Each structure stands twice: as C-alpha cells, then as structure tokens.
Amino acid sequence: MAIRIKKDNAEFGVGDTVAVSQKVVESGKERLQEFEGLVISIKGRDKGKTFTVRRIGVQKIGIERIFPLDSSVIEKVVVVKIGSRGIRRAKLYYTREQSRKEIERIYTRNKRDRSKEKTKPATKSKKKTKKTPK
C-alpha cells in the first residue's frame, strides 16, 4: 500500500487535494480538462498504479475518478492542498459518508493539534516573596 506517489515533479499522497489536468479529444480538437478533488486511495504497483480522486459536484453529489499514474492522457498533477498529518489511513473511503464540512473539520483539528506542539519556550518563574507587615 502506497501512501505517497510521484508523478513527474509533483509528489502527492492520500489526503492531499490535487488538480489533475487530463487531455480530452472532442470532434478532432484537443483540450485540457481539470478535475480537482481529494485523493482517497492509491492502488497497484509499478506500471499498474492508479489513484482515486473524489470531489463534491453540483447538488452535493460525490464524483470519483480513477486515474492511471503512467497514462499519456494525464498532462499534469498539481497539489492544491497538502493533507494533514493526522490522516493515518491508506484508504479514505470513510469520507464518502461525510460532508465537505466534516472533512474540513478533520484538517482544522489537526492544524490545531500542530499549533499546540509549538508552545512558547519556558520562562524563568519569579520567586514570590512574602511581605512582612510593619
């Protein structure tokens, strides 16, 4: 199970949001079509490696596409948002039942956890002296 893969110069993994540019031929003309979404799985090995990208479309319908990694149809892959460190799964199939808001909550929760790690350096505490009444 691969969690991170490399396509040309872009390295991405499960949990990252990517924009995949794909060549589409319509009536003899060639154009690029982008598909942006969350990478929910990476499967296969060597030349047969594929990755699945999921996005929420119109009327909150989930759309998934499976892209072969070594395909001539894929022009480029751009990482839009790096996944959070808190995702520890190789397959994010559980996001199919979650809304976009719930998925974003996972990202923000992990950002908060990282900010707790970056605490201020310890300062010397001042000794309190007792005042004697006169």
N, C-alpha and C. Protein backbone atom coordinates (compact mmCIF):
# COMPACT_ATOMS: atom_id res chain seq x y z
N MET A 1 0.84 -1.19 0.00
CA MET A 1 0.00 0.00 0.00
C MET A 1 0.88 1.24 0.00
N ALA A 2 0.72 1.98 -1.02
CA ALA A 2 1.47 3.24 -1.11
C ALA A 2 0.63 4.36 -0.51
N ILE A 3 1.29 5.22 0.21
CA ILE A 3 0.59 6.37 0.77
C ILE A 3 1.00 7.63 0.02
N ARG A 4 2.21 7.63 -0.56
CA ARG A 4 2.70 8.77 -1.34
C ARG A 4 3.24 8.26 -2.67
N ILE A 5 2.97 9.00 -3.76
CA ILE A 5 3.49 8.65 -5.08
C ILE A 5 4.01 9.90 -5.77
N LYS A 6 4.76 9.68 -6.85
CA LYS A 6 5.35 10.78 -7.57
C LYS A 6 4.93 10.71 -9.04
N LYS A 7 4.46 11.82 -9.57
CA LYS A 7 4.12 11.93 -10.99
C LYS A 7 4.86 13.15 -11.51
N ASP A 8 5.81 12.94 -12.42
CA ASP A 8 6.68 13.99 -12.93
C ASP A 8 7.37 14.68 -11.75
N ASN A 9 7.09 15.96 -11.52
CA ASN A 9 7.72 16.67 -10.41
C ASN A 9 6.81 16.79 -9.19
N ALA A 10 5.57 16.39 -9.31
CA ALA A 10 4.62 16.53 -8.21
C ALA A 10 4.60 15.25 -7.37
N GLU A 11 4.80 15.42 -6.07
CA GLU A 11 4.67 14.30 -5.15
C GLU A 11 3.43 14.53 -4.31
N PHE A 12 2.54 13.56 -4.31
CA PHE A 12 1.29 13.71 -3.57
C PHE A 12 0.94 12.37 -2.92
N GLY A 13 -0.03 12.44 -2.03
CA GLY A 13 -0.41 11.24 -1.33
C GLY A 13 -1.86 11.25 -0.94
N VAL A 14 -2.23 10.23 -0.20
CA VAL A 14 -3.60 10.10 0.27
C VAL A 14 -3.89 11.23 1.24
N GLY A 15 -5.00 11.91 1.04
CA GLY A 15 -5.38 13.03 1.89
C GLY A 15 -5.06 14.38 1.29
N ASP A 16 -4.27 14.41 0.21
CA ASP A 16 -3.96 15.67 -0.45
C ASP A 16 -5.08 16.04 -1.42
N THR A 17 -5.26 17.33 -1.61
CA THR A 17 -6.18 17.81 -2.63
C THR A 17 -5.35 18.14 -3.87
N VAL A 18 -5.71 17.53 -5.00
CA VAL A 18 -4.94 17.69 -6.23
C VAL A 18 -5.83 18.15 -7.37
N ALA A 19 -5.22 18.78 -8.36
CA ALA A 19 -5.90 19.14 -9.61
C ALA A 19 -5.22 18.36 -10.72
N VAL A 20 -5.98 17.48 -11.37
CA VAL A 20 -5.45 16.63 -12.41
C VAL A 20 -5.89 17.20 -13.75
N SER A 21 -4.93 17.54 -14.62
CA SER A 21 -5.23 18.02 -15.96
C SER A 21 -5.19 16.84 -16.91
N GLN A 22 -6.31 16.64 -17.61
CA GLN A 22 -6.47 15.47 -18.46
C GLN A 22 -6.76 15.92 -19.89
N LYS A 23 -6.13 15.28 -20.87
CA LYS A 23 -6.38 15.60 -22.28
C LYS A 23 -7.70 14.97 -22.69
N VAL A 24 -8.54 15.79 -23.35
CA VAL A 24 -9.82 15.30 -23.84
C VAL A 24 -9.91 15.64 -25.33
N VAL A 25 -10.26 14.65 -26.15
CA VAL A 25 -10.40 14.87 -27.59
C VAL A 25 -11.88 14.87 -27.93
N GLU A 26 -12.34 16.00 -28.46
CA GLU A 26 -13.75 16.13 -28.87
C GLU A 26 -13.79 16.64 -30.30
N SER A 27 -14.41 15.90 -31.17
CA SER A 27 -14.58 16.23 -32.60
C SER A 27 -13.27 16.71 -33.23
N GLY A 28 -12.20 15.98 -32.98
CA GLY A 28 -10.92 16.30 -33.60
C GLY A 28 -10.11 17.36 -32.89
N LYS A 29 -10.69 18.04 -31.91
CA LYS A 29 -9.97 19.07 -31.17
C LYS A 29 -9.54 18.52 -29.82
N GLU A 30 -8.39 18.97 -29.38
CA GLU A 30 -7.85 18.51 -28.10
C GLU A 30 -7.85 19.66 -27.11
N ARG A 31 -8.30 19.39 -25.88
CA ARG A 31 -8.31 20.41 -24.84
C ARG A 31 -7.95 19.76 -23.51
N LEU A 32 -7.64 20.61 -22.52
CA LEU A 32 -7.33 20.12 -21.17
C LEU A 32 -8.54 20.31 -20.28
N GLN A 33 -8.84 19.29 -19.51
CA GLN A 33 -9.94 19.35 -18.55
C GLN A 33 -9.38 19.05 -17.17
N GLU A 34 -9.69 19.92 -16.21
CA GLU A 34 -9.18 19.73 -14.84
C GLU A 34 -10.22 19.04 -13.98
N PHE A 35 -9.73 18.20 -13.10
CA PHE A 35 -10.57 17.53 -12.11
C PHE A 35 -9.86 17.71 -10.78
N GLU A 36 -10.47 18.49 -9.88
CA GLU A 36 -9.86 18.79 -8.59
C GLU A 36 -10.62 18.09 -7.49
N GLY A 37 -9.90 17.42 -6.61
CA GLY A 37 -10.54 16.73 -5.51
C GLY A 37 -9.54 16.11 -4.56
N LEU A 38 -10.05 15.34 -3.62
CA LEU A 38 -9.26 14.71 -2.57
C LEU A 38 -8.81 13.33 -3.03
N VAL A 39 -7.54 13.03 -2.86
CA VAL A 39 -7.03 11.70 -3.18
C VAL A 39 -7.44 10.77 -2.05
N ILE A 40 -8.30 9.78 -2.37
CA ILE A 40 -8.78 8.90 -1.31
C ILE A 40 -8.10 7.54 -1.31
N SER A 41 -7.44 7.17 -2.42
CA SER A 41 -6.72 5.90 -2.41
C SER A 41 -5.66 5.85 -3.50
N ILE A 42 -4.67 5.02 -3.25
CA ILE A 42 -3.63 4.72 -4.23
C ILE A 42 -3.52 3.20 -4.26
N LYS A 43 -3.61 2.62 -5.45
CA LYS A 43 -3.60 1.16 -5.59
C LYS A 43 -2.58 0.73 -6.63
N GLY A 44 -2.24 -0.53 -6.58
CA GLY A 44 -1.40 -1.12 -7.60
C GLY A 44 0.08 -0.95 -7.35
N ARG A 45 0.85 -1.43 -8.31
CA ARG A 45 2.31 -1.29 -8.21
C ARG A 45 2.89 -1.17 -9.61
N ASP A 46 4.06 -0.59 -9.66
CA ASP A 46 4.80 -0.39 -10.90
C ASP A 46 3.98 0.34 -11.95
N LYS A 47 3.82 -0.24 -13.11
CA LYS A 47 3.11 0.42 -14.22
C LYS A 47 1.59 0.44 -14.02
N GLY A 48 1.07 -0.45 -13.20
CA GLY A 48 -0.37 -0.55 -13.00
C GLY A 48 -0.89 0.29 -11.85
N LYS A 49 -0.11 1.25 -11.37
CA LYS A 49 -0.50 2.05 -10.22
C LYS A 49 -1.59 3.05 -10.61
N THR A 50 -2.63 3.15 -9.79
CA THR A 50 -3.73 4.09 -10.02
C THR A 50 -4.01 4.86 -8.74
N PHE A 51 -4.63 6.03 -8.89
CA PHE A 51 -5.06 6.80 -7.74
C PHE A 51 -6.49 7.29 -7.97
N THR A 52 -7.26 7.33 -6.90
CA THR A 52 -8.66 7.72 -6.96
C THR A 52 -8.83 9.11 -6.38
N VAL A 53 -9.51 10.00 -7.12
CA VAL A 53 -9.75 11.37 -6.70
C VAL A 53 -11.25 11.56 -6.56
N ARG A 54 -11.67 12.15 -5.45
CA ARG A 54 -13.09 12.37 -5.18
C ARG A 54 -13.35 13.84 -4.94
N ARG A 55 -14.44 14.34 -5.53
CA ARG A 55 -14.87 15.71 -5.28
C ARG A 55 -16.37 15.74 -5.15
N ILE A 56 -16.87 16.82 -4.55
CA ILE A 56 -18.31 17.00 -4.41
C ILE A 56 -18.76 17.89 -5.55
N GLY A 57 -19.68 17.39 -6.35
CA GLY A 57 -20.15 18.12 -7.53
C GLY A 57 -21.40 18.94 -7.24
N VAL A 58 -22.11 19.24 -8.30
CA VAL A 58 -23.33 20.03 -8.21
C VAL A 58 -24.38 19.22 -7.45
N GLN A 59 -25.18 19.90 -6.68
CA GLN A 59 -26.24 19.31 -5.85
C GLN A 59 -25.69 18.29 -4.85
N LYS A 60 -24.45 18.53 -4.39
CA LYS A 60 -23.81 17.73 -3.34
C LYS A 60 -23.72 16.23 -3.70
N ILE A 61 -23.44 15.95 -4.96
CA ILE A 61 -23.26 14.57 -5.41
C ILE A 61 -21.77 14.30 -5.49
N GLY A 62 -21.33 13.20 -4.89
CA GLY A 62 -19.92 12.84 -4.91
C GLY A 62 -19.52 12.25 -6.25
N ILE A 63 -18.41 12.70 -6.80
CA ILE A 63 -17.90 12.21 -8.07
C ILE A 63 -16.50 11.67 -7.83
N GLU A 64 -16.27 10.44 -8.27
CA GLU A 64 -14.95 9.82 -8.13
C GLU A 64 -14.42 9.44 -9.50
N ARG A 65 -13.13 9.65 -9.68
CA ARG A 65 -12.46 9.23 -10.90
C ARG A 65 -11.20 8.48 -10.53
N ILE A 66 -10.94 7.42 -11.28
CA ILE A 66 -9.72 6.64 -11.08
C ILE A 66 -8.79 6.96 -12.24
N PHE A 67 -7.59 7.44 -11.91
CA PHE A 67 -6.60 7.82 -12.91
C PHE A 67 -5.42 6.85 -12.87
N PRO A 68 -5.03 6.29 -14.01
CA PRO A 68 -3.78 5.52 -14.05
C PRO A 68 -2.59 6.48 -13.98
N LEU A 69 -1.61 6.14 -13.19
CA LEU A 69 -0.48 7.05 -12.97
C LEU A 69 0.36 7.23 -14.23
N ASP A 70 0.66 6.14 -14.94
CA ASP A 70 1.51 6.22 -16.13
C ASP A 70 0.65 6.27 -17.39
N SER A 71 -0.23 7.24 -17.47
CA SER A 71 -1.09 7.40 -18.63
C SER A 71 -0.66 8.62 -19.43
N SER A 72 -0.73 8.51 -20.74
CA SER A 72 -0.39 9.65 -21.59
C SER A 72 -1.51 10.68 -21.61
N VAL A 73 -2.68 10.31 -21.12
CA VAL A 73 -3.83 11.21 -21.08
C VAL A 73 -3.66 12.27 -20.01
N ILE A 74 -2.99 11.93 -18.92
CA ILE A 74 -2.77 12.88 -17.83
C ILE A 74 -1.63 13.82 -18.22
N GLU A 75 -1.94 15.10 -18.31
CA GLU A 75 -0.94 16.10 -18.67
C GLU A 75 -0.09 16.48 -17.46
N LYS A 76 -0.76 16.83 -16.34
CA LYS A 76 -0.02 17.20 -15.13
C LYS A 76 -0.90 17.02 -13.91
N VAL A 77 -0.24 16.92 -12.77
CA VAL A 77 -0.93 16.83 -11.48
C VAL A 77 -0.35 17.93 -10.61
N VAL A 78 -1.24 18.79 -10.07
CA VAL A 78 -0.82 19.90 -9.22
C VAL A 78 -1.42 19.69 -7.84
N VAL A 79 -0.56 19.79 -6.81
CA VAL A 79 -1.04 19.66 -5.43
C VAL A 79 -1.58 21.02 -5.00
N VAL A 80 -2.89 21.05 -4.71
CA VAL A 80 -3.55 22.29 -4.29
C VAL A 80 -3.41 22.49 -2.79
N LYS A 81 -3.62 21.40 -2.05
CA LYS A 81 -3.58 21.46 -0.59
C LYS A 81 -2.95 20.18 -0.06
N ILE A 82 -1.96 20.33 0.78
CA ILE A 82 -1.30 19.17 1.34
C ILE A 82 -2.16 18.62 2.48
N GLY A 83 -2.31 17.31 2.50
CA GLY A 83 -3.11 16.67 3.53
C GLY A 83 -2.50 16.83 4.90
N SER A 84 -3.31 16.70 5.91
CA SER A 84 -2.83 16.90 7.27
C SER A 84 -2.11 15.66 7.77
N ARG A 85 -1.31 15.87 8.78
CA ARG A 85 -0.54 14.79 9.36
C ARG A 85 -1.43 13.80 10.11
N GLY A 86 -2.60 14.23 10.48
CA GLY A 86 -3.47 13.39 11.30
C GLY A 86 -4.12 12.25 10.55
N ILE A 87 -4.06 12.26 9.23
CA ILE A 87 -4.65 11.18 8.46
C ILE A 87 -3.66 10.04 8.43
N ARG A 88 -4.07 8.91 8.99
CA ARG A 88 -3.15 7.79 9.12
C ARG A 88 -3.64 6.56 8.37
N ARG A 89 -4.54 6.77 7.46
CA ARG A 89 -5.11 5.65 6.72
C ARG A 89 -4.58 5.63 5.29
N ALA A 90 -4.49 4.43 4.72
CA ALA A 90 -4.07 4.30 3.33
C ALA A 90 -5.24 4.52 2.39
N LYS A 91 -6.43 4.25 2.85
CA LYS A 91 -7.64 4.44 2.04
C LYS A 91 -8.62 5.29 2.84
N LEU A 92 -9.09 6.38 2.23
CA LEU A 92 -10.00 7.29 2.93
C LEU A 92 -11.45 7.08 2.46
N TYR A 93 -11.88 5.84 2.42
CA TYR A 93 -13.23 5.55 1.96
C TYR A 93 -14.30 6.08 2.92
N TYR A 94 -13.91 6.30 4.17
CA TYR A 94 -14.89 6.80 5.14
C TYR A 94 -15.35 8.22 4.79
N THR A 95 -14.62 8.93 3.95
CA THR A 95 -15.03 10.29 3.57
C THR A 95 -16.22 10.29 2.63
N ARG A 96 -16.60 9.13 2.10
CA ARG A 96 -17.76 9.06 1.21
C ARG A 96 -19.04 9.40 1.95
N GLU A 97 -19.10 9.05 3.21
CA GLU A 97 -20.31 9.32 4.01
C GLU A 97 -20.27 10.68 4.68
N GLN A 98 -19.15 11.39 4.58
CA GLN A 98 -19.03 12.67 5.27
C GLN A 98 -19.26 13.83 4.31
N SER A 99 -19.74 14.94 4.87
CA SER A 99 -19.93 16.14 4.07
C SER A 99 -18.59 16.87 3.95
N ARG A 100 -18.56 17.85 3.08
CA ARG A 100 -17.34 18.64 2.88
C ARG A 100 -16.95 19.35 4.17
N LYS A 101 -17.96 19.78 4.93
CA LYS A 101 -17.71 20.50 6.18
C LYS A 101 -17.04 19.59 7.20
N GLU A 102 -17.49 18.34 7.27
CA GLU A 102 -16.90 17.40 8.21
C GLU A 102 -15.45 17.04 7.83
N ILE A 103 -15.19 16.97 6.54
CA ILE A 103 -13.82 16.68 6.09
C ILE A 103 -12.91 17.85 6.42
N GLU A 104 -13.38 19.07 6.22
CA GLU A 104 -12.58 20.26 6.56
C GLU A 104 -12.33 20.33 8.06
N ARG A 105 -13.26 19.84 8.87
CA ARG A 105 -13.08 19.83 10.31
C ARG A 105 -11.89 18.94 10.70
N ILE A 106 -11.69 17.85 9.96
CA ILE A 106 -10.55 16.97 10.21
C ILE A 106 -9.25 17.74 9.99
N TYR A 107 -9.19 18.51 8.86
CA TYR A 107 -7.99 19.28 8.57
C TYR A 107 -7.74 20.34 9.63
N THR A 108 -8.78 21.06 10.04
CA THR A 108 -8.58 22.13 11.02
C THR A 108 -8.23 21.56 12.39
N ARG A 109 -8.79 20.42 12.73
CA ARG A 109 -8.48 19.81 14.02
C ARG A 109 -6.99 19.47 14.09
N ASN A 110 -6.45 18.96 13.01
CA ASN A 110 -5.04 18.58 13.00
C ASN A 110 -4.13 19.80 12.96
N LYS A 111 -4.58 20.89 12.36
CA LYS A 111 -3.80 22.12 12.39
C LYS A 111 -3.73 22.65 13.81
N ARG A 112 -4.85 22.54 14.54
CA ARG A 112 -4.87 22.99 15.94
C ARG A 112 -3.92 22.15 16.77
N ASP A 113 -3.90 20.83 16.53
CA ASP A 113 -3.00 19.96 17.28
C ASP A 113 -1.55 20.32 17.03
N ARG A 114 -1.22 20.69 15.78
CA ARG A 114 0.15 21.08 15.47
C ARG A 114 0.52 22.38 16.15
N SER A 115 -0.44 23.29 16.28
CA SER A 115 -0.14 24.57 16.92
C SER A 115 0.11 24.38 18.42
N LYS A 116 -0.47 23.36 19.02
CA LYS A 116 -0.21 23.08 20.44
C LYS A 116 1.23 22.60 20.64
N GLU A 117 1.76 21.90 19.63
CA GLU A 117 3.12 21.42 19.73
C GLU A 117 4.11 22.57 19.75
N LYS A 118 3.79 23.65 19.08
CA LYS A 118 4.68 24.81 19.01
C LYS A 118 4.37 25.75 20.17
N THR A 119 4.75 25.33 21.35
CA THR A 119 4.48 26.16 22.52
C THR A 119 5.63 27.12 22.75
N LYS A 120 5.37 28.11 23.56
CA LYS A 120 6.40 29.09 23.87
C LYS A 120 7.47 28.45 24.74
N PRO A 121 8.72 28.91 24.60
CA PRO A 121 9.78 28.35 25.45
C PRO A 121 9.52 28.70 26.92
N ALA A 122 9.98 27.82 27.76
CA ALA A 122 9.75 28.01 29.20
C ALA A 122 10.50 29.25 29.69
N THR A 123 9.81 30.06 30.49
CA THR A 123 10.44 31.25 31.06
C THR A 123 10.72 30.99 32.53
N LYS A 124 11.68 31.70 33.03
CA LYS A 124 12.02 31.55 34.45
C LYS A 124 10.91 32.15 35.29
N SER A 125 10.51 31.40 36.28
CA SER A 125 9.46 31.92 37.15
C SER A 125 10.10 32.77 38.25
N LYS A 126 9.42 33.84 38.57
CA LYS A 126 9.92 34.73 39.61
C LYS A 126 9.47 34.19 40.97
N LYS A 127 10.38 34.25 41.92
CA LYS A 127 10.03 33.80 43.26
C LYS A 127 9.20 34.86 43.94
N LYS A 128 8.15 34.41 44.55
CA LYS A 128 7.30 35.34 45.28
C LYS A 128 7.85 35.50 46.70
N THR A 129 7.99 36.72 47.11
CA THR A 129 8.47 36.99 48.46
C THR A 129 7.30 37.46 49.30
N LYS A 130 7.33 36.99 50.51
CA LYS A 130 6.26 37.39 51.41
C LYS A 130 6.57 38.75 51.99
N LYS A 131 5.59 39.56 51.99
CA LYS A 131 5.76 40.89 52.60
C LYS A 131 5.40 40.78 54.09
N THR A 132 6.25 41.33 54.89
CA THR A 132 6.00 41.31 56.33
C THR A 132 5.25 42.58 56.71
N PRO A 133 4.25 42.47 57.52
CA PRO A 133 3.52 43.66 57.94
C PRO A 133 4.38 44.55 58.85
N LYS A 134 4.23 45.86 58.76
CA LYS A 134 5.03 46.79 59.56
C LYS A 134 4.36 47.11 60.85
